[in-house]
PDB file of N, CA and C in Angstrom:
ATOM      1  N   MET A   1      -7.458  16.022  -9.527  1.00  0.00           N
ATOM      2  CA  MET A   1      -8.277  16.393  -8.497  1.00  0.00           C
ATOM      3  C   MET A   1      -7.940  15.027  -7.300  1.00  0.00           C
ATOM      4  N   PRO A   2      -8.211  15.157  -6.005  1.00  0.00           N
ATOM      5  CA  PRO A   2      -8.130  14.026  -5.234  1.00  0.00           C
ATOM      6  C   PRO A   2      -9.158  13.080  -5.088  1.00  0.00           C
ATOM      7  N   VAL A   3      -8.944  11.717  -4.764  1.00  0.00           N
ATOM      8  CA  VAL A   3      -9.878  10.867  -4.571  1.00  0.00           C
ATOM      9  C   VAL A   3     -10.014  10.568  -3.029  1.00  0.00           C
ATOM     10  N   TYR A   4     -11.576  10.664  -2.814  1.00  0.00           N
ATOM     11  CA  TYR A   4     -11.898  10.469  -1.437  1.00  0.00           C
ATOM     12  C   TYR A   4     -12.717   9.056  -1.182  1.00  0.00           C
ATOM     13  N   THR A   5     -12.850   8.560  -0.408  1.00  0.00           N
ATOM     14  CA  THR A   5     -13.148   7.216   0.049  1.00  0.00           C
ATOM     15  C   THR A   5     -14.717   7.631   0.664  1.00  0.00           C
ATOM     16  N   TYR A   6     -15.845   7.287  -0.014  1.00  0.00           N
ATOM     17  CA  TYR A   6     -17.169   7.382   0.710  1.00  0.00           C
ATOM     18  C   TYR A   6     -17.962   6.016   0.964  1.00  0.00           C
ATOM     19  N   GLN A   7     -18.678   5.827   1.716  1.00  0.00           N
ATOM     20  CA  GLN A   7     -19.343   4.503   2.153  1.00  0.00           C
ATOM     21  C   GLN A   7     -20.817   4.796   1.877  1.00  0.00           C
ATOM     22  N   LEU A   8     -21.549   3.626   1.180  1.00  0.00           N
ATOM     23  CA  LEU A   8     -23.055   3.869   1.041  1.00  0.00           C
ATOM     24  C   LEU A   8     -23.662   3.562   2.187  1.00  0.00           C
ATOM     25  N   VAL A   9     -24.698   4.352   2.406  1.00  0.00           N
ATOM     26  CA  VAL A   9     -25.556   3.983   3.660  1.00  0.00           C
ATOM     27  C   VAL A   9     -26.963   3.294   3.111  1.00  0.00           C
ATOM     28  N   ASN A  10     -26.999   2.199   3.578  1.00  0.00           N
ATOM     29  CA  ASN A  10     -28.221   1.372   3.158  1.00  0.00           C
ATOM     30  C   ASN A  10     -29.675   2.067   3.809  1.00  0.00           C
ATOM     31  N   GLU A  11     -30.733   1.739   3.199  1.00  0.00           N
ATOM     32  CA  GLU A  11     -31.944   2.261   3.640  1.00  0.00           C
ATOM     33  C   GLU A  11     -32.352   2.138   4.902  1.00  0.00           C
ATOM     34  N   ASP A  12     -31.848   0.802   5.560  1.00  0.00           N
ATOM     35  CA  ASP A  12     -32.140   0.835   7.094  1.00  0.00           C
ATOM     36  C   ASP A  12     -30.999   1.332   7.859  1.00  0.00           C
ATOM     37  N   GLY A  13     -30.023   2.149   7.214  1.00  0.00           N
ATOM     38  CA  GLY A  13     -28.976   2.963   8.137  1.00  0.00           C
ATOM     39  C   GLY A  13     -27.882   2.281   8.228  1.00  0.00           C
ATOM     40  N   SER A  14     -27.830   0.872   8.042  1.00  0.00           N
ATOM     41  CA  SER A  14     -26.492   0.260   7.976  1.00  0.00           C
ATOM     42  C   SER A  14     -25.320   0.496   6.915  1.00  0.00           C
ATOM     43  N   GLU A  15     -24.264  -0.017   7.199  1.00  0.00           N
ATOM     44  CA  GLU A  15     -23.149   0.350   6.317  1.00  0.00           C
ATOM     45  C   GLU A  15     -23.050  -0.232   5.329  1.00  0.00           C
ATOM     46  N   GLY A  16     -22.932   0.304   3.943  1.00  0.00           N
ATOM     47  CA  GLY A  16     -22.895  -0.483   2.785  1.00  0.00           C
ATOM     48  C   GLY A  16     -21.433  -0.597   2.555  1.00  0.00           C
ATOM     49  N   GLU A  17     -21.127  -0.850   1.058  1.00  0.00           N
ATOM     50  CA  GLU A  17     -19.800  -0.912   0.686  1.00  0.00           C
ATOM     51  C   GLU A  17     -18.843   0.501   0.448  1.00  0.00           C
ATOM     52  N   CYS A  18     -17.700   0.313   0.347  1.00  0.00           N
ATOM     53  CA  CYS A  18     -16.898   1.590   0.269  1.00  0.00           C
ATOM     54  C   CYS A  18     -16.774   2.246  -1.270  1.00  0.00           C
ATOM     55  N   VAL A  19     -16.692   3.068  -1.651  1.00  0.00           N
ATOM     56  CA  VAL A  19     -16.300   3.562  -3.060  1.00  0.00           C
ATOM     57  C   VAL A  19     -15.525   4.653  -3.044  1.00  0.00           C
ATOM     58  N   ASP A  20     -14.896   4.630  -4.072  1.00  0.00           N
ATOM     59  CA  ASP A  20     -13.721   6.110  -4.367  1.00  0.00           C
ATOM     60  C   ASP A  20     -14.416   7.046  -5.172  1.00  0.00           C
ATOM     61  N   ILE A  21     -14.585   8.198  -5.013  1.00  0.00           N
ATOM     62  CA  ILE A  21     -14.948   9.214  -5.800  1.00  0.00           C
ATOM     63  C   ILE A  21     -14.055  10.500  -6.016  1.00  0.00           C
ATOM     64  N   ILE A  22     -13.857  10.902  -7.156  1.00  0.00           N
ATOM     65  CA  ILE A  22     -13.033  12.011  -7.495  1.00  0.00           C
ATOM     66  C   ILE A  22     -13.744  13.330  -7.397  1.00  0.00           C
ATOM     67  N   HIS A  23     -13.447  14.172  -6.682  1.00  0.00           N
ATOM     68  CA  HIS A  23     -13.886  15.363  -6.702  1.00  0.00           C
ATOM     69  C   HIS A  23     -13.086  16.584  -6.165  1.00  0.00           C
ATOM     70  N   GLY A  24     -13.376  17.911  -6.237  1.00  0.00           N
ATOM     71  CA  GLY A  24     -12.261  18.952  -5.958  1.00  0.00           C
ATOM     72  C   GLY A  24     -12.165  19.191  -4.436  1.00  0.00           C
ATOM     73  N   MET A  25     -11.272  19.664  -4.047  1.00  0.00           N
ATOM     74  CA  MET A  25     -10.932  19.797  -2.486  1.00  0.00           C
ATOM     75  C   MET A  25     -11.688  20.902  -2.159  1.00  0.00           C
ATOM     76  N   ASN A  26     -12.013  21.858  -2.925  1.00  0.00           N
ATOM     77  CA  ASN A  26     -12.903  22.894  -2.411  1.00  0.00           C
ATOM     78  C   ASN A  26     -14.508  22.680  -2.313  1.00  0.00           C
ATOM     79  N   GLU A  27     -14.730  21.716  -3.126  1.00  0.00           N
ATOM     80  CA  GLU A  27     -16.164  21.186  -2.943  1.00  0.00           C
ATOM     81  C   GLU A  27     -16.596  20.441  -1.531  1.00  0.00           C
ATOM     82  N   PRO A  28     -17.843  20.777  -0.992  1.00  0.00           N
ATOM     83  CA  PRO A  28     -18.185  20.180   0.013  1.00  0.00           C
ATOM     84  C   PRO A  28     -18.424  18.660  -0.034  1.00  0.00           C
ATOM     85  N   PRO A  29     -18.232  17.993   0.989  1.00  0.00           N
ATOM     86  CA  PRO A  29     -18.582  16.627   0.961  1.00  0.00           C
ATOM     87  C   PRO A  29     -19.700  16.086   0.563  1.00  0.00           C
ATOM     88  N   MET A  30     -19.787  15.094  -0.520  1.00  0.00           N
ATOM     89  CA  MET A  30     -21.014  14.628  -1.171  1.00  0.00           C
ATOM     90  C   MET A  30     -21.756  13.859  -0.147  1.00  0.00           C
ATOM     91  N   THR A  31     -22.928  13.756  -0.148  1.00  0.00           N
ATOM     92  CA  THR A  31     -23.899  13.219   0.590  1.00  0.00           C
ATOM     93  C   THR A  31     -24.658  12.124  -0.005  1.00  0.00           C
ATOM     94  N   ILE A  32     -24.751  12.316  -1.440  1.00  0.00           N
ATOM     95  CA  ILE A  32     -25.465  11.334  -2.375  1.00  0.00           C
ATOM     96  C   ILE A  32     -24.550  11.116  -3.719  1.00  0.00           C
ATOM     97  N   HIS A  33     -24.658   9.676  -3.695  1.00  0.00           N
ATOM     98  CA  HIS A  33     -23.869   9.226  -5.034  1.00  0.00           C
ATOM     99  C   HIS A  33     -24.298   9.527  -6.084  1.00  0.00           C
ATOM    100  N   PRO A  34     -23.169  10.267  -7.036  1.00  0.00           N
ATOM    101  CA  PRO A  34     -23.464  10.895  -8.170  1.00  0.00           C
ATOM    102  C   PRO A  34     -24.261  10.060  -9.391  1.00  0.00           C
ATOM    103  N   GLU A  35     -24.078   8.832  -9.178  1.00  0.00           N
ATOM    104  CA  GLU A  35     -24.439   8.024 -10.216  1.00  0.00           C
ATOM    105  C   GLU A  35     -25.695   6.992  -9.792  1.00  0.00           C
ATOM    106  N   THR A  36     -25.839   6.528  -8.562  1.00  0.00           N
ATOM    107  CA  THR A  36     -26.842   5.908  -8.224  1.00  0.00           C
ATOM    108  C   THR A  36     -27.900   6.536  -7.410  1.00  0.00           C
ATOM    109  N   GLY A  37     -27.353   7.681  -6.556  1.00  0.00           N
ATOM    110  CA  GLY A  37     -28.610   8.471  -5.970  1.00  0.00           C
ATOM    111  C   GLY A  37     -28.399   8.054  -4.488  1.00  0.00           C
ATOM    112  N   GLN A  38     -27.938   7.221  -4.187  1.00  0.00           N
ATOM    113  CA  GLN A  38     -27.917   6.467  -2.818  1.00  0.00           C
ATOM    114  C   GLN A  38     -27.138   7.213  -1.645  1.00  0.00           C
ATOM    115  N   LYS A  39     -27.654   7.485  -0.669  1.00  0.00           N
ATOM    116  CA  LYS A  39     -26.920   8.088   0.472  1.00  0.00           C
ATOM    117  C   LYS A  39     -25.617   7.574   0.599  1.00  0.00           C
ATOM    118  N   ILE A  40     -24.426   8.420   1.054  1.00  0.00           N
ATOM    119  CA  ILE A  40     -23.076   8.172   1.072  1.00  0.00           C
ATOM    120  C   ILE A  40     -22.793   8.981   2.264  1.00  0.00           C
ATOM    121  N   ARG A  41     -21.822   8.622   3.041  1.00  0.00           N
ATOM    122  CA  ARG A  41     -21.011   9.408   4.004  1.00  0.00           C
ATOM    123  C   ARG A  41     -19.482   9.317   3.768  1.00  0.00           C
ATOM    124  N   ARG A  42     -18.803  10.572   3.881  1.00  0.00           N
ATOM    125  CA  ARG A  42     -17.456  10.567   3.562  1.00  0.00           C
ATOM    126  C   ARG A  42     -16.728   9.689   4.750  1.00  0.00           C
ATOM    127  N   VAL A  43     -15.580   8.724   4.401  1.00  0.00           N
ATOM    128  CA  VAL A  43     -14.843   8.131   5.398  1.00  0.00           C
ATOM    129  C   VAL A  43     -13.337   8.634   5.562  1.00  0.00           C
ATOM    130  N   PHE A  44     -12.768   8.881   6.727  1.00  0.00           N
ATOM    131  CA  PHE A  44     -11.758   9.759   6.816  1.00  0.00           C
ATOM    132  C   PHE A  44     -10.497   8.620   7.130  1.00  0.00           C
ATOM    133  N   SER A  45      -9.439   8.844   6.335  1.00  0.00           N
ATOM    134  CA  SER A  45      -8.352   7.799   6.494  1.00  0.00           C
ATOM    135  C   SER A  45      -6.913   8.600   6.399  1.00  0.00           C
ATOM    136  N   ALA A  46      -6.020   8.007   7.174  1.00  0.00           N
ATOM    137  CA  ALA A  46      -4.538   8.554   6.785  1.00  0.00           C
ATOM    138  C   ALA A  46      -4.076   8.679   5.532  1.00  0.00           C
ATOM    139  N   PRO A  47      -3.822  10.071   5.383  1.00  0.00           N
ATOM    140  CA  PRO A  47      -3.132  10.173   4.046  1.00  0.00           C
ATOM    141  C   PRO A  47      -1.711   9.405   3.627  1.00  0.00           C
ATOM    142  N   HIS A  48      -1.609   9.289   2.611  1.00  0.00           N
ATOM    143  CA  HIS A  48      -0.384   8.844   2.163  1.00  0.00           C
ATOM    144  C   HIS A  48       0.598   9.686   1.698  1.00  0.00           C
ATOM    145  N   ILE A  49       1.630   9.533   2.293  1.00  0.00           N
ATOM    146  CA  ILE A  49       2.797  10.766   1.908  1.00  0.00           C
ATOM    147  C   ILE A  49       3.797   9.967   1.244  1.00  0.00           C
ATOM    148  N   ALA A  50       3.985  10.178   0.045  1.00  0.00           N
ATOM    149  CA  ALA A  50       4.896   9.641  -0.989  1.00  0.00           C
ATOM    150  C   ALA A  50       6.347   9.932  -0.482  1.00  0.00           C
ATOM    151  N   GLY A  51       7.034   8.773  -0.486  1.00  0.00           N
ATOM    152  CA  GLY A  51       8.378   9.048  -0.103  1.00  0.00           C
ATOM    153  C   GLY A  51       8.951   8.548   1.271  1.00  0.00           C
ATOM    154  N   TRP A  52       7.869   8.516   1.989  1.00  0.00           N
ATOM    155  CA  TRP A  52       7.983   7.624   3.393  1.00  0.00           C
ATOM    156  C   TRP A  52       7.359   6.365   3.453  1.00  0.00           C
ATOM    157  N   GLY A  53       7.992   5.314   3.806  1.00  0.00           N
ATOM    158  CA  GLY A  53       7.474   3.938   3.991  1.00  0.00           C
ATOM    159  C   GLY A  53       7.471   3.261   2.860  1.00  0.00           C
ATOM    160  N   ASN A  54       8.414   3.532   2.094  1.00  0.00           N
ATOM    161  CA  ASN A  54       8.607   2.474   0.999  1.00  0.00           C
ATOM    162  C   ASN A  54      10.487   2.148   1.121  1.00  0.00           C
ATOM    163  N   GLU A  55      10.343   0.933   0.336  1.00  0.00           N
ATOM    164  CA  GLU A  55      11.721   0.322   0.745  1.00  0.00           C
ATOM    165  C   GLU A  55      12.867   1.148   0.044  1.00  0.00           C
ATOM    166  N   ARG A  56      12.856   1.812  -0.856  1.00  0.00           N
ATOM    167  CA  ARG A  56      13.902   2.776  -1.538  1.00  0.00           C
ATOM    168  C   ARG A  56      14.176   3.724  -0.723  1.00  0.00           C
ATOM    169  N   LYS A  57      13.273   4.404  -0.175  1.00  0.00           N
ATOM    170  CA  LYS A  57      13.643   5.422   0.836  1.00  0.00           C
ATOM    171  C   LYS A  57      14.129   5.063   2.111  1.00  0.00           C
ATOM    172  N   ALA A  58      14.058   3.993   2.624  1.00  0.00           N
ATOM    173  CA  ALA A  58      14.567   3.271   3.902  1.00  0.00           C
ATOM    174  C   ALA A  58      15.875   2.954   3.491  1.00  0.00           C
ATOM    175  N   LYS A  59      16.113   2.418   2.343  1.00  0.00           N
ATOM    176  CA  LYS A  59      17.674   2.143   1.994  1.00  0.00           C
ATOM    177  C   LYS A  59      18.430   3.242   1.944  1.00  0.00           C
ATOM    178  N   GLU A  60      17.899   4.470   1.255  1.00  0.00           N
ATOM    179  CA  GLU A  60      18.692   5.478   1.223  1.00  0.00           C
ATOM    180  C   GLU A  60      19.111   6.247   2.496  1.00  0.00           C
ATOM    181  N   ILE A  61      18.041   6.416   3.277  1.00  0.00           N
ATOM    182  CA  ILE A  61      18.065   6.781   4.761  1.00  0.00           C
ATOM    183  C   ILE A  61      19.174   6.245   5.338  1.00  0.00           C
ATOM    184  N   THR A  62      19.280   4.672   5.428  1.00  0.00           N
ATOM    185  CA  THR A  62      19.874   3.985   6.307  1.00  0.00           C
ATOM    186  C   THR A  62      21.412   3.684   5.593  1.00  0.00           C
ATOM    187  N   SER A  63      21.473   4.290   4.598  1.00  0.00           N
ATOM    188  CA  SER A  63      23.087   3.551   3.908  1.00  0.00           C
ATOM    189  C   SER A  63      24.049   4.291   4.719  1.00  0.00           C
ATOM    190  N   ASP A  64      25.366   3.710   4.498  1.00  0.00           N
ATOM    191  CA  ASP A  64      26.482   3.754   4.916  1.00  0.00           C
ATOM    192  C   ASP A  64      26.874   5.351   4.975  1.00  0.00           C
ATOM    193  N   GLU A  65      26.617   5.810   3.779  1.00  0.00           N
ATOM    194  CA  GLU A  65      27.111   7.219   3.490  1.00  0.00           C
ATOM    195  C   GLU A  65      26.243   8.210   4.223  1.00  0.00           C
ATOM    196  N   ASN A  66      24.906   8.017   4.139  1.00  0.00           N
ATOM    197  CA  ASN A  66      24.044   9.012   4.915  1.00  0.00           C
ATOM    198  C   ASN A  66      24.204   9.175   6.420  1.00  0.00           C
ATOM    199  N   ILE A  67      24.609   7.741   6.967  1.00  0.00           N
ATOM    200  CA  ILE A  67      24.657   7.893   8.417  1.00  0.00           C
ATOM    201  C   ILE A  67      25.732   8.457   8.725  1.00  0.00           C
ATOM    202  N   GLU A  68      26.884   8.200   8.077  1.00  0.00           N
ATOM    203  CA  GLU A  68      28.356   8.713   8.305  1.00  0.00           C
ATOM    204  C   GLU A  68      28.138  10.338   8.195  1.00  0.00           C
ATOM    205  N   ARG A  69      27.513  10.750   7.084  1.00  0.00           N
ATOM    206  CA  ARG A  69      27.408  12.309   6.984  1.00  0.00           C
ATOM    207  C   ARG A  69      26.571  12.935   8.081  1.00  0.00           C
ATOM    208  N   HIS A  70      25.625  12.143   8.577  1.00  0.00           N
ATOM    209  CA  HIS A  70      24.862  12.987   9.673  1.00  0.00           C
ATOM    210  C   HIS A  70      25.796  12.749  11.151  1.00  0.00           C
ATOM    211  N   GLY A  71      26.993  12.053  11.003  1.00  0.00           N
ATOM    212  CA  GLY A  71      27.757  11.943  12.202  1.00  0.00           C
ATOM    213  C   GLY A  71      27.535  10.827  13.315  1.00  0.00           C
ATOM    214  N   PHE A  72      26.921   9.627  12.666  1.00  0.00           N
ATOM    215  CA  PHE A  72      26.563   8.470  13.580  1.00  0.00           C
ATOM    216  C   PHE A  72      27.636   7.398  13.141  1.00  0.00           C
ATOM    217  N   THR A  73      27.531   6.431  13.983  1.00  0.00           N
ATOM    218  CA  THR A  73      28.495   5.323  13.538  1.00  0.00           C
ATOM    219  C   THR A  73      27.663   4.027  13.554  1.00  0.00           C
ATOM    220  N   LYS A  74      27.769   3.177  12.444  1.00  0.00           N
ATOM    221  CA  LYS A  74      26.999   2.067  12.323  1.00  0.00           C
ATOM    222  C   LYS A  74      27.895   0.949  12.440  1.00  0.00           C
ATOM    223  N   TYR A  75      27.380  -0.186  13.092  1.00  0.00           N
ATOM    224  CA  TYR A  75      28.144  -1.309  13.161  1.00  0.00           C
ATOM    225  C   TYR A  75      27.239  -2.394  12.809  1.00  0.00           C
ATOM    226  N   VAL A  76      27.531  -3.592  11.981  1.00  0.00           N
ATOM    227  CA  VAL A  76      26.864  -4.489  11.394  1.00  0.00           C
ATOM    228  C   VAL A  76      27.507  -5.998  11.997  1.00  0.00           C
ATOM    229  N   ARG A  77      26.579  -6.887  12.355  1.00  0.00           N
ATOM    230  CA  ARG A  77      26.792  -8.007  12.825  1.00  0.00           C
ATOM    231  C   ARG A  77      27.554  -8.817  12.051  1.00  0.00           C
ATOM    232  N   ASN A  78      28.598  -9.380  12.359  1.00  0.00           N
ATOM    233  CA  ASN A  78      29.672 -10.387  11.726  1.00  0.00           C
ATOM    234  C   ASN A  78      29.985 -11.447  12.626  1.00  0.00           C
ATOM    235  N   GLY A  79      28.756 -12.392  12.736  1.00  0.00           N
ATOM    236  CA  GLY A  79      28.933 -13.420  13.648  1.00  0.00           C
ATOM    237  C   GLY A  79      28.195 -13.360  14.780  1.00  0.00           C
ATOM    238  N   LYS A  80      28.151 -14.498  15.692  1.00  0.00           N
ATOM    239  CA  LYS A  80      27.629 -14.388  16.841  1.00  0.00           C
ATOM    240  C   LYS A  80      28.227 -13.420  18.134  1.00  0.00           C
ATOM    241  N   GLY A  81      27.584 -12.482  18.417  1.00  0.00           N
ATOM    242  CA  GLY A  81      28.156 -11.519  19.180  1.00  0.00           C
ATOM    243  C   GLY A  81      29.269 -10.552  18.778  1.00  0.00           C
ATOM    244  N   HIS A  82      29.552 -10.693  17.630  1.00  0.00           N
ATOM    245  CA  HIS A  82      30.828  -9.640  17.131  1.00  0.00           C
ATOM    246  C   HIS A  82      29.919  -8.734  16.155  1.00  0.00           C
ATOM    247  N   TYR A  83      30.498  -7.504  16.115  1.00  0.00           N
ATOM    248  CA  TYR A  83      30.042  -6.622  15.286  1.00  0.00           C
ATOM    249  C   TYR A  83      31.331  -5.702  14.647  1.00  0.00           C
ATOM    250  N   GLU A  84      31.219  -5.448  13.374  1.00  0.00           N
ATOM    251  CA  GLU A  84      32.148  -4.580  12.725  1.00  0.00           C
ATOM    252  C   GLU A  84      31.547  -3.370  12.613  1.00  0.00           C
ATOM    253  N   LYS A  85      32.435  -2.358  12.498  1.00  0.00           N
ATOM    254  CA  LYS A  85      32.199  -0.857  12.034  1.00  0.00           C
ATOM    255  C   LYS A  85      31.899  -0.782  10.561  1.00  0.00           C
ATOM    256  N   ARG A  86      30.770  -0.124  10.079  1.00  0.00           N
ATOM    257  CA  ARG A  86      30.766  -0.191   8.550  1.00  0.00           C
ATOM    258  C   ARG A  86      30.620   1.368   8.328  1.00  0.00           C
ATOM    259  N   ALA A  87      30.432   2.079   9.142  1.00  0.00           N
ATOM    260  CA  ALA A  87      30.334   3.494   8.833  1.00  0.00           C
ATOM    261  C   ALA A  87      30.446   4.544  10.042  1.00  0.00           C
ATOM    262  N   GLY A  88      31.208   5.577  10.089  1.00  0.00           N
ATOM    263  CA  GLY A  88      31.529   6.712  11.157  1.00  0.00           C
ATOM    264  C   GLY A  88      32.761   6.696  11.400  1.00  0.00           C
ATOM    265  N   LYS A  89      33.215   7.423  12.199  1.00  0.00           N
ATOM    266  CA  LYS A  89      34.482   7.838  12.621  1.00  0.00           C
ATOM    267  C   LYS A  89      34.968   7.604  14.134  1.00  0.00           C
ATOM    268  N   ALA A  90      33.740   7.389  14.818  1.00  0.00           N
ATOM    269  CA  ALA A  90      33.902   7.293  16.300  1.00  0.00           C
ATOM    270  C   ALA A  90      33.767   5.940  16.854  1.00  0.00           C
ATOM    271  N   GLY A  91      34.443   5.381  17.978  1.00  0.00           N
ATOM    272  CA  GLY A  91      34.288   4.304  18.433  1.00  0.00           C
ATOM    273  C   GLY A  91      35.479   3.143  17.782  1.00  0.00           C
ATOM    274  N   PRO A  92      35.348   1.868  18.658  1.00  0.00           N
ATOM    275  CA  PRO A  92      36.350   1.037  18.097  1.00  0.00           C
ATOM    276  C   PRO A  92      36.132   0.165  16.620  1.00  0.00           C
ATOM    277  N   PRO A  93      36.930  -0.157  16.088  1.00  0.00           N
ATOM    278  CA  PRO A  93      36.648  -0.670  14.657  1.00  0.00           C
ATOM    279  C   PRO A  93      35.838  -1.989  15.060  1.00  0.00           C
ATOM    280  N   SER A  94      35.703  -2.888  16.027  1.00  0.00           N
ATOM    281  CA  SER A  94      34.831  -3.673  16.371  1.00  0.00           C
ATOM    282  C   SER A  94      34.158  -3.902  17.390  1.00  0.00           C
ATOM    283  N   LEU A  95      33.324  -4.590  17.771  1.00  0.00           N
ATOM    284  CA  LEU A  95      32.487  -4.798  19.254  1.00  0.00           C
ATOM    285  C   LEU A  95      32.250  -6.241  19.300  1.00  0.00           C
ATOM    286  N   HIS A  96      32.814  -7.016  20.383  1.00  0.00           N
ATOM    287  CA  HIS A  96      32.320  -8.343  20.883  1.00  0.00           C
ATOM    288  C   HIS A  96      32.869  -8.470  22.156  1.00  0.00           C
ATOM    289  N   PRO A  97      32.000  -9.681  22.767  1.00  0.00           N
ATOM    290  CA  PRO A  97      31.828  -9.708  24.248  1.00  0.00           C
ATOM    291  C   PRO A  97      33.376 -10.112  24.904  1.00  0.00           C
TER     292      PRO A  97
END
């Protein structure tokens, strides 16, 4: 079951601390904390999509083999203003001023 973030609502209407509560996707949003009976409101946030935004996936996407397979050319800096080709078939073997 998914984890949802809720924020406690204090008696004066101010915002309290945030808590994570597990409940089914088909259930309506909770309005009362199941343990304390205090009013709560659901907090919406961006979902985490596994596989994007982690270092391992970034290295895989920008690997020389993947870049070449998709038809791109990759140059890597090799000194001040000098770049050498690491992947790809098009373009010169190096770039320099």
